[in-house]
């Protein structure tokens, strides 16, 4: 989101708000502000815009972390279907990995509004189980 403020020589405030993703925009003119009241209002609007930008950034980071975690779960599931991991000597490890994938998938389903850090922590938990197993397979 982009917010532009303009104040003309007569003290008239013009505000343009543009949504970068949807390309929608809205503008309005605020008349009748004098001195500090106008400055305070502009400062409040700027603070609100900065807060919204921070929230948007956190939401985007969370969304991206969730997508990375979903892809990782998919990749592990795909690798588990590989015949090399299905061999008898890997059956215990395969069961352990399948349980970890189930747990990760259930956590993901139940935590749709998690933070970036929470997604990364859960992904690392799965990686801590999976990485030693896959290293054995390809060693």
C-alpha atoms as a PDB file:
ATOM      1  CA  UNK A   1       0.000   0.000   0.000  1.00  0.00           C
ATOM      2  CA  UNK A   2       1.243   3.463  -0.832  1.00  0.00           C
ATOM      3  CA  UNK A   3      -0.061   6.652   0.817  1.00  0.00           C
ATOM      4  CA  UNK A   4       0.798  10.075  -0.559  1.00  0.00           C
ATOM      5  CA  UNK A   5       0.060  13.325   1.286  1.00  0.00           C
ATOM      6  CA  UNK A   6       0.143  16.789  -0.284  1.00  0.00           C
ATOM      7  CA  UNK A   7      -0.500  20.119   1.396  1.00  0.00           C
ATOM      8  CA  UNK A   8      -1.067  23.140  -0.807  1.00  0.00           C
ATOM      9  CA  UNK A   9      -0.342  26.795   0.008  1.00  0.00           C
ATOM     10  CA  UNK A  10      -3.843  27.218   1.466  1.00  0.00           C
ATOM     11  CA  UNK A  11      -3.349  24.390   3.965  1.00  0.00           C
ATOM     12  CA  UNK A  12      -5.570  21.943   2.103  1.00  0.00           C
ATOM     13  CA  UNK A  13      -4.502  18.351   2.595  1.00  0.00           C
ATOM     14  CA  UNK A  14      -4.867  15.913  -0.300  1.00  0.00           C
ATOM     15  CA  UNK A  15      -4.393  12.214   0.392  1.00  0.00           C
ATOM     16  CA  UNK A  16      -4.004   9.445  -2.195  1.00  0.00           C
ATOM     17  CA  UNK A  17      -4.066   5.805  -1.078  1.00  0.00           C
ATOM     18  CA  UNK A  18      -3.012   3.165  -3.621  1.00  0.00           C
ATOM     19  CA  UNK A  19      -3.053  -0.614  -3.192  1.00  0.00           C
ATOM     20  CA  UNK A  20       0.002  -1.859  -5.104  1.00  0.00           C
ATOM     21  CA  UNK A  21      -1.343  -5.377  -5.622  1.00  0.00           C
ATOM     22  CA  UNK A  22      -4.891  -4.599  -6.748  1.00  0.00           C
ATOM     23  CA  UNK A  23      -4.016  -1.254  -8.363  1.00  0.00           C
ATOM     24  CA  UNK A  24      -7.062   0.288  -6.652  1.00  0.00           C
ATOM     25  CA  UNK A  25      -6.726   3.836  -5.420  1.00  0.00           C
ATOM     26  CA  UNK A  26      -8.765   6.308  -3.431  1.00  0.00           C
ATOM     27  CA  UNK A  27      -8.168   9.969  -2.833  1.00  0.00           C
ATOM     28  CA  UNK A  28      -9.733  12.583  -0.632  1.00  0.00           C
ATOM     29  CA  UNK A  29      -9.242  16.214   0.269  1.00  0.00           C
ATOM     30  CA  UNK A  30      -9.268  17.397   3.865  1.00  0.00           C
ATOM     31  CA  UNK A  31     -10.102  21.091   4.231  1.00  0.00           C
ATOM     32  CA  UNK A  32     -10.267  23.296   7.258  1.00  0.00           C
ATOM     33  CA  UNK A  33      -7.243  22.105   9.191  1.00  0.00           C
ATOM     34  CA  UNK A  34      -5.222  24.791  10.931  1.00  0.00           C
ATOM     35  CA  UNK A  35      -1.703  24.662  12.312  1.00  0.00           C
ATOM     36  CA  UNK A  36      -0.830  21.807  14.661  1.00  0.00           C
ATOM     37  CA  UNK A  37      -4.099  19.970  14.189  1.00  0.00           C
ATOM     38  CA  UNK A  38      -3.199  19.324  10.578  1.00  0.00           C
ATOM     39  CA  UNK A  39       0.335  18.250  11.475  1.00  0.00           C
ATOM     40  CA  UNK A  40      -0.949  15.939  14.194  1.00  0.00           C
ATOM     41  CA  UNK A  41      -3.467  14.393  11.821  1.00  0.00           C
ATOM     42  CA  UNK A  42      -0.812  13.853   9.141  1.00  0.00           C
ATOM     43  CA  UNK A  43       1.562  12.322  11.697  1.00  0.00           C
ATOM     44  CA  UNK A  44      -1.212   9.997  12.921  1.00  0.00           C
ATOM     45  CA  UNK A  45      -1.962   8.918   9.358  1.00  0.00           C
ATOM     46  CA  UNK A  46       1.717   8.278   8.679  1.00  0.00           C
ATOM     47  CA  UNK A  47       2.021   6.201  11.880  1.00  0.00           C
ATOM     48  CA  UNK A  48      -1.044   4.172  10.895  1.00  0.00           C
ATOM     49  CA  UNK A  49       0.373   3.563   7.418  1.00  0.00           C
ATOM     50  CA  UNK A  50       3.712   2.468   8.867  1.00  0.00           C
ATOM     51  CA  UNK A  51       1.914   0.070  11.235  1.00  0.00           C
ATOM     52  CA  UNK A  52      -0.129  -1.392   8.361  1.00  0.00           C
ATOM     53  CA  UNK A  53       3.046  -1.828   6.307  1.00  0.00           C
ATOM     54  CA  UNK A  54       4.667  -3.743   9.195  1.00  0.00           C
ATOM     55  CA  UNK A  55       1.604  -5.970   9.533  1.00  0.00           C
ATOM     56  CA  UNK A  56       1.553  -6.594   5.772  1.00  0.00           C
ATOM     57  CA  UNK A  57       5.233  -7.553   5.870  1.00  0.00           C
ATOM     58  CA  UNK A  58       4.654  -9.990   8.758  1.00  0.00           C
ATOM     59  CA  UNK A  59       1.686 -11.541   6.939  1.00  0.00           C
ATOM     60  CA  UNK A  60       3.715 -11.943   3.744  1.00  0.00           C
ATOM     61  CA  UNK A  61       6.642 -13.522   5.608  1.00  0.00           C
ATOM     62  CA  UNK A  62       4.265 -15.906   7.386  1.00  0.00           C
ATOM     63  CA  UNK A  63       2.597 -16.866   4.096  1.00  0.00           C
ATOM     64  CA  UNK A  64       5.962 -17.521   2.443  1.00  0.00           C
ATOM     65  CA  UNK A  65       7.183 -19.590   5.424  1.00  0.00           C
ATOM     66  CA  UNK A  66       3.981 -21.655   5.329  1.00  0.00           C
ATOM     67  CA  UNK A  67       4.488 -22.315   1.607  1.00  0.00           C
ATOM     68  CA  UNK A  68       8.102 -23.394   2.189  1.00  0.00           C
ATOM     69  CA  UNK A  69       6.958 -25.755   4.958  1.00  0.00           C
ATOM     70  CA  UNK A  70       4.190 -27.232   2.779  1.00  0.00           C
ATOM     71  CA  UNK A  71       6.685 -27.820  -0.052  1.00  0.00           C
ATOM     72  CA  UNK A  72       9.134 -29.448   2.361  1.00  0.00           C
ATOM     73  CA  UNK A  73       6.453 -31.817   3.669  1.00  0.00           C
ATOM     74  CA  UNK A  74       5.543 -32.692   0.082  1.00  0.00           C
ATOM     75  CA  UNK A  75       9.207 -33.326  -0.812  1.00  0.00           C
ATOM     76  CA  UNK A  76       9.684 -35.607   2.198  1.00  0.00           C
ATOM     77  CA  UNK A  77       6.489 -37.533   1.364  1.00  0.00           C
ATOM     78  CA  UNK A  78       7.689 -37.900  -2.219  1.00  0.00           C
ATOM     79  CA  UNK A  79      11.081 -39.198  -1.079  1.00  0.00           C
ATOM     80  CA  UNK A  80       9.397 -41.667   1.280  1.00  0.00           C
ATOM     81  CA  UNK A  81       7.668 -43.215  -1.721  1.00  0.00           C
ATOM     82  CA  UNK A  82      11.077 -43.902  -3.256  1.00  0.00           C
ATOM     83  CA  UNK A  83      11.896 -47.650  -3.260  1.00  0.00           C
ATOM     84  CA  UNK A  84      15.322 -47.162  -1.662  1.00  0.00           C
ATOM     85  CA  UNK A  85      13.746 -45.915   1.518  1.00  0.00           C
ATOM     86  CA  UNK A  86      11.162 -48.694   1.448  1.00  0.00           C
ATOM     87  CA  UNK A  87      13.809 -51.415   1.716  1.00  0.00           C
ATOM     88  CA  UNK A  88      13.649 -53.589   4.836  1.00  0.00           C
ATOM     89  CA  UNK A  89      16.782 -52.134   6.406  1.00  0.00           C
ATOM     90  CA  UNK A  90      15.149 -48.692   6.327  1.00  0.00           C
ATOM     91  CA  UNK A  91      11.674 -49.730   7.495  1.00  0.00           C
ATOM     92  CA  UNK A  92      12.161 -48.417  11.060  1.00  0.00           C
ATOM     93  CA  UNK A  93      13.511 -45.101   9.757  1.00  0.00           C
ATOM     94  CA  UNK A  94      10.732 -44.881   7.184  1.00  0.00           C
ATOM     95  CA  UNK A  95       8.085 -45.356   9.886  1.00  0.00           C
ATOM     96  CA  UNK A  96       9.782 -42.716  12.022  1.00  0.00           C
ATOM     97  CA  UNK A  97       9.836 -40.276   9.083  1.00  0.00           C
ATOM     98  CA  UNK A  98       6.210 -41.019   8.178  1.00  0.00           C
ATOM     99  CA  UNK A  99       5.182 -40.290  11.770  1.00  0.00           C
ATOM    100  CA  UNK A 100       7.114 -37.005  11.689  1.00  0.00           C
ATOM    101  CA  UNK A 101       5.455 -36.051   8.378  1.00  0.00           C
ATOM    102  CA  UNK A 102       2.011 -36.863   9.824  1.00  0.00           C
ATOM    103  CA  UNK A 103       2.753 -34.760  12.881  1.00  0.00           C
ATOM    104  CA  UNK A 104       4.018 -31.861  10.737  1.00  0.00           C
ATOM    105  CA  UNK A 105       0.958 -32.041   8.464  1.00  0.00           C
ATOM    106  CA  UNK A 106      -1.411 -32.074  11.433  1.00  0.00           C
ATOM    107  CA  UNK A 107       0.401 -29.127  12.997  1.00  0.00           C
ATOM    108  CA  UNK A 108       0.185 -27.230   9.709  1.00  0.00           C
ATOM    109  CA  UNK A 109      -3.547 -27.941   9.385  1.00  0.00           C
ATOM    110  CA  UNK A 110      -4.195 -26.691  12.907  1.00  0.00           C
ATOM    111  CA  UNK A 111      -2.018 -23.573  12.779  1.00  0.00           C
ATOM    112  CA  UNK A 112      -3.132 -21.592   9.760  1.00  0.00           C
ATOM    113  CA  UNK A 113      -2.309 -18.259  11.377  1.00  0.00           C
ATOM    114  CA  UNK A 114       1.124 -19.118  12.730  1.00  0.00           C
ATOM    115  CA  UNK A 115       4.027 -16.708  12.534  1.00  0.00           C
ATOM    116  CA  UNK A 116       7.012 -17.088  10.242  1.00  0.00           C
ATOM    117  CA  UNK A 117       9.080 -18.212  13.225  1.00  0.00           C
ATOM    118  CA  UNK A 118       6.545 -20.871  14.236  1.00  0.00           C
ATOM    119  CA  UNK A 119       6.467 -22.320  10.699  1.00  0.00           C
ATOM    120  CA  UNK A 120      10.259 -22.356  10.569  1.00  0.00           C
ATOM    121  CA  UNK A 121      10.486 -24.044  13.991  1.00  0.00           C
ATOM    122  CA  UNK A 122       8.046 -26.783  12.933  1.00  0.00           C
ATOM    123  CA  UNK A 123       9.854 -27.263   9.638  1.00  0.00           C
ATOM    124  CA  UNK A 124      13.148 -27.615  11.506  1.00  0.00           C
ATOM    125  CA  UNK A 125      11.570 -30.218  13.784  1.00  0.00           C
ATOM    126  CA  UNK A 126      10.698 -32.311  10.708  1.00  0.00           C
ATOM    127  CA  UNK A 127      14.160 -31.707   9.223  1.00  0.00           C
ATOM    128  CA  UNK A 128      15.781 -32.918  12.456  1.00  0.00           C
ATOM    129  CA  UNK A 129      14.069 -36.278  11.956  1.00  0.00           C
ATOM    130  CA  UNK A 130      14.358 -36.457   8.163  1.00  0.00           C
ATOM    131  CA  UNK A 131      17.927 -35.305   7.492  1.00  0.00           C
ATOM    132  CA  UNK A 132      19.714 -38.137   9.368  1.00  0.00           C
ATOM    133  CA  UNK A 133      17.477 -40.699   7.644  1.00  0.00           C
ATOM    134  CA  UNK A 134      18.063 -39.406   4.132  1.00  0.00           C
ATOM    135  CA  UNK A 135      21.796 -39.155   4.813  1.00  0.00           C
ATOM    136  CA  UNK A 136      21.843 -42.875   5.682  1.00  0.00           C
ATOM    137  CA  UNK A 137      20.027 -43.738   2.467  1.00  0.00           C
ATOM    138  CA  UNK A 138      22.496 -41.910   0.263  1.00  0.00           C
ATOM    139  CA  UNK A 139      25.635 -42.690   2.292  1.00  0.00           C
END
